[in-house]
Amino acid sequence: MTKQIQLTKEGLEALSKELTELTEIKRPQLVERLSHARSEGLGAKVSVKFNGSKTIYQLVGEWEADPVKSKISIDSPLGIALLNKKKGDKVEVEAPAGKVVYEILSIN
């Protein structure tokens, strides 16, 4: 059983505009970001040292991020700071409590 949906001309135009924006603008941007993320080796596990403790983070896409499981988005401040770095590099990230310096111990 198919139910018809009633729309005004303005409502149809708004939905058409939204569809065009999603398919022609936002989707290509997301595909480009995903392609860039893949080229950066995302999914990489980065072992860092800060404030005397060691932690291993997995760099993931925005939708997979789960800080409780140490999965951080490449778009987060720490994720951005870690991109294109190598073992031994130090990165500085602005946190609510002030600047935090992370030392990269390994990247797998």
PDB file of N, CA and C in Angstrom:
ATOM      1  N   MET A   1       0.843  -1.164   0.000  1.00  0.00           N
ATOM      2  CA  MET A   1       0.000   0.000   0.000  1.00  0.00           C
ATOM      3  C   MET A   1       0.900   1.242   0.000  1.00  0.00           C
ATOM      4  N   THR A   2       0.744   2.085  -0.973  1.00  0.00           N
ATOM      5  CA  THR A   2       1.541   3.292  -1.098  1.00  0.00           C
ATOM      6  C   THR A   2       0.735   4.479  -0.606  1.00  0.00           C
ATOM      7  N   LYS A   3       1.366   5.254   0.249  1.00  0.00           N
ATOM      8  CA  LYS A   3       0.700   6.437   0.800  1.00  0.00           C
ATOM      9  C   LYS A   3       1.228   7.668   0.079  1.00  0.00           C
ATOM     10  N   GLN A   4       0.365   8.512  -0.388  1.00  0.00           N
ATOM     11  CA  GLN A   4       0.773   9.740  -1.049  1.00  0.00           C
ATOM     12  C   GLN A   4       1.098  10.803  -0.008  1.00  0.00           C
ATOM     13  N   ILE A   5       2.110  11.569  -0.324  1.00  0.00           N
ATOM     14  CA  ILE A   5       2.514  12.664   0.553  1.00  0.00           C
ATOM     15  C   ILE A   5       2.131  13.968  -0.120  1.00  0.00           C
ATOM     16  N   GLN A   6       1.459  14.804   0.591  1.00  0.00           N
ATOM     17  CA  GLN A   6       1.029  16.093   0.058  1.00  0.00           C
ATOM     18  C   GLN A   6       2.083  17.147   0.390  1.00  0.00           C
ATOM     19  N   LEU A   7       2.511  17.885  -0.631  1.00  0.00           N
ATOM     20  CA  LEU A   7       3.490  18.955  -0.449  1.00  0.00           C
ATOM     21  C   LEU A   7       3.046  20.199  -1.200  1.00  0.00           C
ATOM     22  N   THR A   8       3.416  21.324  -0.659  1.00  0.00           N
ATOM     23  CA  THR A   8       3.208  22.568  -1.399  1.00  0.00           C
ATOM     24  C   THR A   8       4.335  22.697  -2.420  1.00  0.00           C
ATOM     25  N   LYS A   9       4.165  23.608  -3.342  1.00  0.00           N
ATOM     26  CA  LYS A   9       5.212  23.857  -4.338  1.00  0.00           C
ATOM     27  C   LYS A   9       6.504  24.280  -3.633  1.00  0.00           C
ATOM     28  N   GLU A  10       6.387  25.117  -2.599  1.00  0.00           N
ATOM     29  CA  GLU A  10       7.556  25.582  -1.850  1.00  0.00           C
ATOM     30  C   GLU A  10       8.233  24.434  -1.109  1.00  0.00           C
ATOM     31  N   GLY A  11       7.411  23.535  -0.547  1.00  0.00           N
ATOM     32  CA  GLY A  11       7.966  22.380   0.152  1.00  0.00           C
ATOM     33  C   GLY A  11       8.736  21.471  -0.784  1.00  0.00           C
ATOM     34  N   LEU A  12       8.197  21.245  -1.986  1.00  0.00           N
ATOM     35  CA  LEU A  12       8.875  20.420  -2.980  1.00  0.00           C
ATOM     36  C   LEU A  12      10.181  21.078  -3.424  1.00  0.00           C
ATOM     37  N   GLU A  13      10.145  22.386  -3.637  1.00  0.00           N
ATOM     38  CA  GLU A  13      11.359  23.110  -4.034  1.00  0.00           C
ATOM     39  C   GLU A  13      12.430  23.025  -2.940  1.00  0.00           C
ATOM     40  N   ALA A  14      12.018  23.138  -1.673  1.00  0.00           N
ATOM     41  CA  ALA A  14      12.977  23.057  -0.562  1.00  0.00           C
ATOM     42  C   ALA A  14      13.605  21.663  -0.496  1.00  0.00           C
ATOM     43  N   LEU A  15      12.800  20.627  -0.665  1.00  0.00           N
ATOM     44  CA  LEU A  15      13.342  19.261  -0.642  1.00  0.00           C
ATOM     45  C   LEU A  15      14.256  19.008  -1.843  1.00  0.00           C
ATOM     46  N   SER A  16      13.875  19.527  -3.005  1.00  0.00           N
ATOM     47  CA  SER A  16      14.718  19.377  -4.203  1.00  0.00           C
ATOM     48  C   SER A  16      16.056  20.081  -4.022  1.00  0.00           C
ATOM     49  N   LYS A  17      16.006  21.265  -3.433  1.00  0.00           N
ATOM     50  CA  LYS A  17      17.238  22.027  -3.178  1.00  0.00           C
ATOM     51  C   LYS A  17      18.127  21.264  -2.196  1.00  0.00           C
ATOM     52  N   GLU A  18      17.527  20.704  -1.143  1.00  0.00           N
ATOM     53  CA  GLU A  18      18.285  19.933  -0.162  1.00  0.00           C
ATOM     54  C   GLU A  18      18.918  18.698  -0.804  1.00  0.00           C
ATOM     55  N   LEU A  19      18.166  18.007  -1.651  1.00  0.00           N
ATOM     56  CA  LEU A  19      18.698  16.829  -2.341  1.00  0.00           C
ATOM     57  C   LEU A  19      19.884  17.205  -3.221  1.00  0.00           C
ATOM     58  N   THR A  20      19.750  18.288  -3.955  1.00  0.00           N
ATOM     59  CA  THR A  20      20.840  18.750  -4.816  1.00  0.00           C
ATOM     60  C   THR A  20      22.077  19.088  -3.990  1.00  0.00           C
ATOM     61  N   GLU A  21      21.895  19.783  -2.877  1.00  0.00           N
ATOM     62  CA  GLU A  21      23.022  20.146  -2.017  1.00  0.00           C
ATOM     63  C   GLU A  21      23.714  18.901  -1.467  1.00  0.00           C
ATOM     64  N   LEU A  22      22.920  17.920  -1.041  1.00  0.00           N
ATOM     65  CA  LEU A  22      23.503  16.695  -0.483  1.00  0.00           C
ATOM     66  C   LEU A  22      24.257  15.888  -1.529  1.00  0.00           C
ATOM     67  N   THR A  23      23.681  15.756  -2.726  1.00  0.00           N
ATOM     68  CA  THR A  23      24.298  14.899  -3.740  1.00  0.00           C
ATOM     69  C   THR A  23      25.406  15.580  -4.530  1.00  0.00           C
ATOM     70  N   GLU A  24      25.304  16.882  -4.724  1.00  0.00           N
ATOM     71  CA  GLU A  24      26.278  17.561  -5.577  1.00  0.00           C
ATOM     72  C   GLU A  24      27.343  18.340  -4.811  1.00  0.00           C
ATOM     73  N   ILE A  25      27.095  18.637  -3.545  1.00  0.00           N
ATOM     74  CA  ILE A  25      28.062  19.418  -2.778  1.00  0.00           C
ATOM     75  C   ILE A  25      28.616  18.612  -1.607  1.00  0.00           C
ATOM     76  N   LYS A  26      27.748  18.214  -0.694  1.00  0.00           N
ATOM     77  CA  LYS A  26      28.214  17.554   0.531  1.00  0.00           C
ATOM     78  C   LYS A  26      28.797  16.175   0.275  1.00  0.00           C
ATOM     79  N   ARG A  27      28.142  15.370  -0.562  1.00  0.00           N
ATOM     80  CA  ARG A  27      28.658  14.020  -0.814  1.00  0.00           C
ATOM     81  C   ARG A  27      30.050  14.059  -1.439  1.00  0.00           C
ATOM     82  N   PRO A  28      30.284  14.865  -2.488  1.00  0.00           N
ATOM     83  CA  PRO A  28      31.647  14.926  -3.038  1.00  0.00           C
ATOM     84  C   PRO A  28      32.681  15.395  -2.008  1.00  0.00           C
ATOM     85  N   GLN A  29      32.296  16.315  -1.119  1.00  0.00           N
ATOM     86  CA  GLN A  29      33.224  16.762  -0.079  1.00  0.00           C
ATOM     87  C   GLN A  29      33.568  15.614   0.863  1.00  0.00           C
ATOM     88  N   LEU A  30      32.569  14.826   1.246  1.00  0.00           N
ATOM     89  CA  LEU A  30      32.811  13.693   2.138  1.00  0.00           C
ATOM     90  C   LEU A  30      33.662  12.623   1.461  1.00  0.00           C
ATOM     91  N   VAL A  31      33.419  12.393   0.183  1.00  0.00           N
ATOM     92  CA  VAL A  31      34.227  11.416  -0.559  1.00  0.00           C
ATOM     93  C   VAL A  31      35.683  11.880  -0.594  1.00  0.00           C
ATOM     94  N   GLU A  32      35.886  13.166  -0.806  1.00  0.00           N
ATOM     95  CA  GLU A  32      37.249  13.715  -0.828  1.00  0.00           C
ATOM     96  C   GLU A  32      37.921  13.577   0.536  1.00  0.00           C
ATOM     97  N   ARG A  33      37.188  13.863   1.614  1.00  0.00           N
ATOM     98  CA  ARG A  33      37.751  13.718   2.968  1.00  0.00           C
ATOM     99  C   ARG A  33      38.096  12.273   3.261  1.00  0.00           C
ATOM    100  N   LEU A  34      37.234  11.349   2.841  1.00  0.00           N
ATOM    101  CA  LEU A  34      37.499   9.936   3.054  1.00  0.00           C
ATOM    102  C   LEU A  34      38.725   9.492   2.277  1.00  0.00           C
ATOM    103  N   SER A  35      38.834   9.943   1.043  1.00  0.00           N
ATOM    104  CA  SER A  35      39.997   9.607   0.226  1.00  0.00           C
ATOM    105  C   SER A  35      41.280  10.129   0.873  1.00  0.00           C
ATOM    106  N   HIS A  36      41.214  11.357   1.375  1.00  0.00           N
ATOM    107  CA  HIS A  36      42.378  11.940   2.054  1.00  0.00           C
ATOM    108  C   HIS A  36      42.720  11.147   3.311  1.00  0.00           C
ATOM    109  N   ALA A  37      41.693  10.773   4.053  1.00  0.00           N
ATOM    110  CA  ALA A  37      41.915  10.007   5.286  1.00  0.00           C
ATOM    111  C   ALA A  37      42.580   8.671   4.983  1.00  0.00           C
ATOM    112  N   ARG A  38      42.125   8.009   3.924  1.00  0.00           N
ATOM    113  CA  ARG A  38      42.730   6.728   3.558  1.00  0.00           C
ATOM    114  C   ARG A  38      44.186   6.904   3.173  1.00  0.00           C
ATOM    115  N   SER A  39      44.487   7.988   2.462  1.00  0.00           N
ATOM    116  CA  SER A  39      45.876   8.210   2.045  1.00  0.00           C
ATOM    117  C   SER A  39      46.779   8.516   3.236  1.00  0.00           C
ATOM    118  N   GLU A  40      46.204   8.982   4.338  1.00  0.00           N
ATOM    119  CA  GLU A  40      46.972   9.288   5.533  1.00  0.00           C
ATOM    120  C   GLU A  40      47.188   8.052   6.403  1.00  0.00           C
ATOM    121  N   GLY A  41      46.621   6.911   6.008  1.00  0.00           N
ATOM    122  CA  GLY A  41      46.786   5.691   6.798  1.00  0.00           C
ATOM    123  C   GLY A  41      45.926   5.701   8.050  1.00  0.00           C
ATOM    124  N   LEU A  42      44.695   6.286   7.958  1.00  0.00           N
ATOM    125  CA  LEU A  42      43.869   6.333   9.150  1.00  0.00           C
ATOM    126  C   LEU A  42      43.462   4.970   9.574  1.00  0.00           C
ATOM    127  N   GLY A  43      43.097   4.849  10.864  1.00  0.00           N
ATOM    128  CA  GLY A  43      42.931   3.540  11.457  1.00  0.00           C
ATOM    129  C   GLY A  43      44.236   3.200  12.148  1.00  0.00           C
ATOM    130  N   ALA A  44      45.243   4.052  11.960  1.00  0.00           N
ATOM    131  CA  ALA A  44      46.541   3.842  12.584  1.00  0.00           C
ATOM    132  C   ALA A  44      46.404   3.963  14.092  1.00  0.00           C
ATOM    133  N   LYS A  45      47.199   3.188  14.778  1.00  0.00           N
ATOM    134  CA  LYS A  45      47.239   3.282  16.239  1.00  0.00           C
ATOM    135  C   LYS A  45      48.498   4.049  16.612  1.00  0.00           C
ATOM    136  N   VAL A  46      48.295   5.088  17.396  1.00  0.00           N
ATOM    137  CA  VAL A  46      49.393   5.971  17.778  1.00  0.00           C
ATOM    138  C   VAL A  46      49.573   5.887  19.286  1.00  0.00           C
ATOM    139  N   SER A  47      50.764   5.514  19.680  1.00  0.00           N
ATOM    140  CA  SER A  47      51.104   5.455  21.102  1.00  0.00           C
ATOM    141  C   SER A  47      51.740   6.785  21.475  1.00  0.00           C
ATOM    142  N   VAL A  48      51.176   7.428  22.487  1.00  0.00           N
ATOM    143  CA  VAL A  48      51.683   8.736  22.904  1.00  0.00           C
ATOM    144  C   VAL A  48      51.953   8.746  24.402  1.00  0.00           C
ATOM    145  N   LYS A  49      52.791   9.684  24.796  1.00  0.00           N
ATOM    146  CA  LYS A  49      53.100   9.890  26.213  1.00  0.00           C
ATOM    147  C   LYS A  49      52.769  11.335  26.539  1.00  0.00           C
ATOM    148  N   PHE A  50      52.006  11.525  27.621  1.00  0.00           N
ATOM    149  CA  PHE A  50      51.720  12.880  28.093  1.00  0.00           C
ATOM    150  C   PHE A  50      51.475  12.824  29.593  1.00  0.00           C
ATOM    151  N   ASN A  51      51.922  13.845  30.267  1.00  0.00           N
ATOM    152  CA  ASN A  51      51.785  13.929  31.731  1.00  0.00           C
ATOM    153  C   ASN A  51      52.272  12.661  32.423  1.00  0.00           C
ATOM    154  N   GLY A  52      53.324  12.051  31.885  1.00  0.00           N
ATOM    155  CA  GLY A  52      53.907  10.867  32.505  1.00  0.00           C
ATOM    156  C   GLY A  52      53.181   9.567  32.244  1.00  0.00           C
ATOM    157  N   SER A  53      52.112   9.586  31.470  1.00  0.00           N
ATOM    158  CA  SER A  53      51.412   8.334  31.193  1.00  0.00           C
ATOM    159  C   SER A  53      51.402   8.048  29.693  1.00  0.00           C
ATOM    160  N   LYS A  54      51.289   6.756  29.364  1.00  0.00           N
ATOM    161  CA  LYS A  54      51.264   6.334  27.973  1.00  0.00           C
ATOM    162  C   LYS A  54      49.848   5.911  27.609  1.00  0.00           C
ATOM    163  N   THR A  55      49.429   6.275  26.405  1.00  0.00           N
ATOM    164  CA  THR A  55      48.109   5.921  25.903  1.00  0.00           C
ATOM    165  C   THR A  55      48.225   5.573  24.431  1.00  0.00           C
ATOM    166  N   ILE A  56      47.402   4.636  23.994  1.00  0.00           N
ATOM    167  CA  ILE A  56      47.347   4.297  22.570  1.00  0.00           C
ATOM    168  C   ILE A  56      45.991   4.757  22.043  1.00  0.00           C
ATOM    169  N   TYR A  57      46.027   5.595  21.016  1.00  0.00           N
ATOM    170  CA  TYR A  57      44.817   6.076  20.362  1.00  0.00           C
ATOM    171  C   TYR A  57      44.735   5.477  18.969  1.00  0.00           C
ATOM    172  N   GLN A  58      43.524   5.186  18.534  1.00  0.00           N
ATOM    173  CA  GLN A  58      43.317   4.789  17.153  1.00  0.00           C
ATOM    174  C   GLN A  58      42.692   5.973  16.438  1.00  0.00           C
ATOM    175  N   LEU A  59      43.300   6.388  15.330  1.00  0.00           N
ATOM    176  CA  LEU A  59      42.767   7.493  14.546  1.00  0.00           C
ATOM    177  C   LEU A  59      41.694   6.943  13.617  1.00  0.00           C
ATOM    178  N   VAL A  60      40.501   7.504  13.726  1.00  0.00           N
ATOM    179  CA  VAL A  60      39.364   7.014  12.951  1.00  0.00           C
ATOM    180  C   VAL A  60      38.614   8.184  12.338  1.00  0.00           C
ATOM    181  N   GLY A  61      37.661   7.853  11.494  1.00  0.00           N
ATOM    182  CA  GLY A  61      36.799   8.869  10.916  1.00  0.00           C
ATOM    183  C   GLY A  61      35.866   9.441  11.968  1.00  0.00           C
ATOM    184  N   GLU A  62      35.286  10.560  11.626  1.00  0.00           N
ATOM    185  CA  GLU A  62      34.424  11.295  12.559  1.00  0.00           C
ATOM    186  C   GLU A  62      33.306  10.431  13.135  1.00  0.00           C
ATOM    187  N   TRP A  63      32.702   9.565  12.326  1.00  0.00           N
ATOM    188  CA  TRP A  63      31.550   8.777  12.767  1.00  0.00           C
ATOM    189  C   TRP A  63      31.936   7.588  13.624  1.00  0.00           C
ATOM    190  N   GLU A  64      33.215   7.195  13.580  1.00  0.00           N
ATOM    191  CA  GLU A  64      33.669   6.053  14.376  1.00  0.00           C
ATOM    192  C   GLU A  64      34.247   6.476  15.722  1.00  0.00           C
ATOM    193  N   ALA A  65      34.432   7.753  15.917  1.00  0.00           N
ATOM    194  CA  ALA A  65      35.084   8.247  17.128  1.00  0.00           C
ATOM    195  C   ALA A  65      34.354   7.774  18.389  1.00  0.00           C
ATOM    196  N   ASP A  66      35.141   7.323  19.362  1.00  0.00           N
ATOM    197  CA  ASP A  66      34.617   6.880  20.653  1.00  0.00           C
ATOM    198  C   ASP A  66      35.731   7.059  21.681  1.00  0.00           C
ATOM    199  N   PRO A  67      35.823   8.245  22.282  1.00  0.00           N
ATOM    200  CA  PRO A  67      36.914   8.530  23.208  1.00  0.00           C
ATOM    201  C   PRO A  67      37.040   7.516  24.348  1.00  0.00           C
ATOM    202  N   VAL A  68      35.930   6.938  24.776  1.00  0.00           N
ATOM    203  CA  VAL A  68      35.972   5.946  25.855  1.00  0.00           C
ATOM    204  C   VAL A  68      36.804   4.730  25.429  1.00  0.00           C
ATOM    205  N   LYS A  69      36.762   4.402  24.137  1.00  0.00           N
ATOM    206  CA  LYS A  69      37.520   3.270  23.602  1.00  0.00           C
ATOM    207  C   LYS A  69      38.838   3.724  22.975  1.00  0.00           C
ATOM    208  N   SER A  70      39.250   4.949  23.252  1.00  0.00           N
ATOM    209  CA  SER A  70      40.482   5.542  22.723  1.00  0.00           C
ATOM    210  C   SER A  70      40.496   5.635  21.206  1.00  0.00           C
ATOM    211  N   LYS A  71      39.316   5.797  20.612  1.00  0.00           N
ATOM    212  CA  LYS A  71      39.203   6.028  19.175  1.00  0.00           C
ATOM    213  C   LYS A  71      38.923   7.515  18.988  1.00  0.00           C
ATOM    214  N   ILE A  72      39.885   8.216  18.386  1.00  0.00           N
ATOM    215  CA  ILE A  72      39.717   9.662  18.227  1.00  0.00           C
ATOM    216  C   ILE A  72      39.594  10.021  16.750  1.00  0.00           C
ATOM    217  N   SER A  73      38.770  10.992  16.500  1.00  0.00           N
ATOM    218  CA  SER A  73      38.523  11.453  15.140  1.00  0.00           C
ATOM    219  C   SER A  73      39.736  12.191  14.599  1.00  0.00           C
ATOM    220  N   ILE A  74      39.985  11.990  13.311  1.00  0.00           N
ATOM    221  CA  ILE A  74      41.073  12.743  12.674  1.00  0.00           C
ATOM    222  C   ILE A  74      40.743  14.219  12.596  1.00  0.00           C
ATOM    223  N   ASP A  75      39.469  14.569  12.831  1.00  0.00           N
ATOM    224  CA  ASP A  75      39.053  15.969  12.801  1.00  0.00           C
ATOM    225  C   ASP A  75      39.076  16.619  14.177  1.00  0.00           C
ATOM    226  N   SER A  76      39.408  15.842  15.216  1.00  0.00           N
ATOM    227  CA  SER A  76      39.503  16.399  16.567  1.00  0.00           C
ATOM    228  C   SER A  76      40.818  17.169  16.682  1.00  0.00           C
ATOM    229  N   PRO A  77      40.938  18.045  17.667  1.00  0.00           N
ATOM    230  CA  PRO A  77      42.201  18.780  17.826  1.00  0.00           C
ATOM    231  C   PRO A  77      43.419  17.848  17.938  1.00  0.00           C
ATOM    232  N   LEU A  78      43.305  16.760  18.714  1.00  0.00           N
ATOM    233  CA  LEU A  78      44.434  15.831  18.833  1.00  0.00           C
ATOM    234  C   LEU A  78      44.656  15.082  17.526  1.00  0.00           C
ATOM    235  N   GLY A  79      43.575  14.645  16.887  1.00  0.00           N
ATOM    236  CA  GLY A  79      43.695  13.937  15.613  1.00  0.00           C
ATOM    237  C   GLY A  79      44.396  14.785  14.566  1.00  0.00           C
ATOM    238  N   ILE A  80      44.006  16.038  14.467  1.00  0.00           N
ATOM    239  CA  ILE A  80      44.633  16.965  13.512  1.00  0.00           C
ATOM    240  C   ILE A  80      46.108  17.138  13.838  1.00  0.00           C
ATOM    241  N   ALA A  81      46.427  17.272  15.119  1.00  0.00           N
ATOM    242  CA  ALA A  81      47.824  17.469  15.530  1.00  0.00           C
ATOM    243  C   ALA A  81      48.687  16.245  15.216  1.00  0.00           C
ATOM    244  N   LEU A  82      48.091  15.046  15.274  1.00  0.00           N
ATOM    245  CA  LEU A  82      48.867  13.825  15.052  1.00  0.00           C
ATOM    246  C   LEU A  82      49.090  13.487  13.579  1.00  0.00           C
ATOM    247  N   LEU A  83      48.243  14.016  12.698  1.00  0.00           N
ATOM    248  CA  LEU A  83      48.387  13.711  11.275  1.00  0.00           C
ATOM    249  C   LEU A  83      49.740  14.181  10.748  1.00  0.00           C
ATOM    250  N   ASN A  84      50.308  13.351   9.895  1.00  0.00           N
ATOM    251  CA  ASN A  84      51.585  13.642   9.219  1.00  0.00           C
ATOM    252  C   ASN A  84      52.770  13.768  10.174  1.00  0.00           C
ATOM    253  N   LYS A  85      52.658  13.192  11.357  1.00  0.00           N
ATOM    254  CA  LYS A  85      53.769  13.219  12.308  1.00  0.00           C
ATOM    255  C   LYS A  85      54.444  11.852  12.333  1.00  0.00           C
ATOM    256  N   LYS A  86      55.601  11.783  12.977  1.00  0.00           N
ATOM    257  CA  LYS A  86      56.330  10.519  13.057  1.00  0.00           C
ATOM    258  C   LYS A  86      56.810  10.278  14.480  1.00  0.00           C
ATOM    259  N   LYS A  87      57.316   9.087  14.703  1.00  0.00           N
ATOM    260  CA  LYS A  87      57.820   8.701  16.017  1.00  0.00           C
ATOM    261  C   LYS A  87      58.851   9.728  16.487  1.00  0.00           C
ATOM    262  N   GLY A  88      58.719  10.137  17.746  1.00  0.00           N
ATOM    263  CA  GLY A  88      59.642  11.105  18.334  1.00  0.00           C
ATOM    264  C   GLY A  88      59.158  12.543  18.266  1.00  0.00           C
ATOM    265  N   ASP A  89      58.198  12.816  17.379  1.00  0.00           N
ATOM    266  CA  ASP A  89      57.656  14.174  17.283  1.00  0.00           C
ATOM    267  C   ASP A  89      56.855  14.510  18.538  1.00  0.00           C
ATOM    268  N   LYS A  90      56.814  15.786  18.859  1.00  0.00           N
ATOM    269  CA  LYS A  90      55.974  16.266  19.954  1.00  0.00           C
ATOM    270  C   LYS A  90      54.936  17.197  19.355  1.00  0.00           C
ATOM    271  N   VAL A  91      53.703  17.040  19.825  1.00  0.00           N
ATOM    272  CA  VAL A  91      52.615  17.898  19.354  1.00  0.00           C
ATOM    273  C   VAL A  91      51.971  18.569  20.545  1.00  0.00           C
ATOM    274  N   GLU A  92      51.516  19.781  20.320  1.00  0.00           N
ATOM    275  CA  GLU A  92      50.886  20.562  21.377  1.00  0.00           C
ATOM    276  C   GLU A  92      49.411  20.739  21.023  1.00  0.00           C
ATOM    277  N   VAL A  93      48.546  20.431  21.980  1.00  0.00           N
ATOM    278  CA  VAL A  93      47.104  20.522  21.750  1.00  0.00           C
ATOM    279  C   VAL A  93      46.493  21.386  22.839  1.00  0.00           C
ATOM    280  N   GLU A  94      45.640  22.288  22.416  1.00  0.00           N
ATOM    281  CA  GLU A  94      44.935  23.158  23.368  1.00  0.00           C
ATOM    282  C   GLU A  94      43.779  22.378  23.974  1.00  0.00           C
ATOM    283  N   ALA A  95      43.779  22.250  25.292  1.00  0.00           N
ATOM    284  CA  ALA A  95      42.723  21.546  26.027  1.00  0.00           C
ATOM    285  C   ALA A  95      42.057  22.536  26.975  1.00  0.00           C
ATOM    286  N   PRO A  96      40.882  22.180  27.500  1.00  0.00           N
ATOM    287  CA  PRO A  96      40.208  23.098  28.430  1.00  0.00           C
ATOM    288  C   PRO A  96      41.086  23.503  29.618  1.00  0.00           C
ATOM    289  N   ALA A  97      41.968  22.598  30.051  1.00  0.00           N
ATOM    290  CA  ALA A  97      42.833  22.893  31.195  1.00  0.00           C
ATOM    291  C   ALA A  97      44.130  23.584  30.779  1.00  0.00           C
ATOM    292  N   GLY A  98      44.296  23.843  29.480  1.00  0.00           N
ATOM    293  CA  GLY A  98      45.524  24.459  28.981  1.00  0.00           C
ATOM    294  C   GLY A  98      46.173  23.597  27.918  1.00  0.00           C
ATOM    295  N   LYS A  99      47.381  23.963  27.533  1.00  0.00           N
ATOM    296  CA  LYS A  99      48.079  23.225  26.490  1.00  0.00           C
ATOM    297  C   LYS A  99      48.615  21.908  27.028  1.00  0.00           C
ATOM    298  N   VAL A 100      48.450  20.863  26.214  1.00  0.00           N
ATOM    299  CA  VAL A 100      48.956  19.539  26.560  1.00  0.00           C
ATOM    300  C   VAL A 100      49.952  19.136  25.479  1.00  0.00           C
ATOM    301  N   VAL A 101      51.135  18.676  25.887  1.00  0.00           N
ATOM    302  CA  VAL A 101      52.153  18.248  24.944  1.00  0.00           C
ATOM    303  C   VAL A 101      52.181  16.717  24.925  1.00  0.00           C
ATOM    304  N   TYR A 102      52.029  16.164  23.722  1.00  0.00           N
ATOM    305  CA  TYR A 102      52.073  14.726  23.518  1.00  0.00           C
ATOM    306  C   TYR A 102      53.362  14.378  22.791  1.00  0.00           C
ATOM    307  N   GLU A 103      54.024  13.320  23.213  1.00  0.00           N
ATOM    308  CA  GLU A 103      55.191  12.804  22.510  1.00  0.00           C
ATOM    309  C   GLU A 103      54.781  11.516  21.823  1.00  0.00           C
ATOM    310  N   ILE A 104      55.036  11.409  20.527  1.00  0.00           N
ATOM    311  CA  ILE A 104      54.660  10.219  19.779  1.00  0.00           C
ATOM    312  C   ILE A 104      55.710   9.137  20.001  1.00  0.00           C
ATOM    313  N   LEU A 105      55.276   8.019  20.589  1.00  0.00           N
ATOM    314  CA  LEU A 105      56.171   6.908  20.871  1.00  0.00           C
ATOM    315  C   LEU A 105      56.235   5.912  19.721  1.00  0.00           C
ATOM    316  N   SER A 106      55.101   5.663  19.074  1.00  0.00           N
ATOM    317  CA  SER A 106      55.071   4.752  17.935  1.00  0.00           C
ATOM    318  C   SER A 106      53.806   4.965  17.142  1.00  0.00           C
ATOM    319  N   ILE A 107      53.871   4.528  15.880  1.00  0.00           N
ATOM    320  CA  ILE A 107      52.702   4.578  15.002  1.00  0.00           C
ATOM    321  C   ILE A 107      52.617   3.233  14.304  1.00  0.00           C
ATOM    322  N   ASN A 108      51.486   2.558  14.437  1.00  0.00           N
ATOM    323  CA  ASN A 108      51.291   1.252  13.799  1.00  0.00           C
ATOM    324  C   ASN A 108      50.109   1.293  12.865  1.00  0.00           C
TER     325      ASN A 108
END
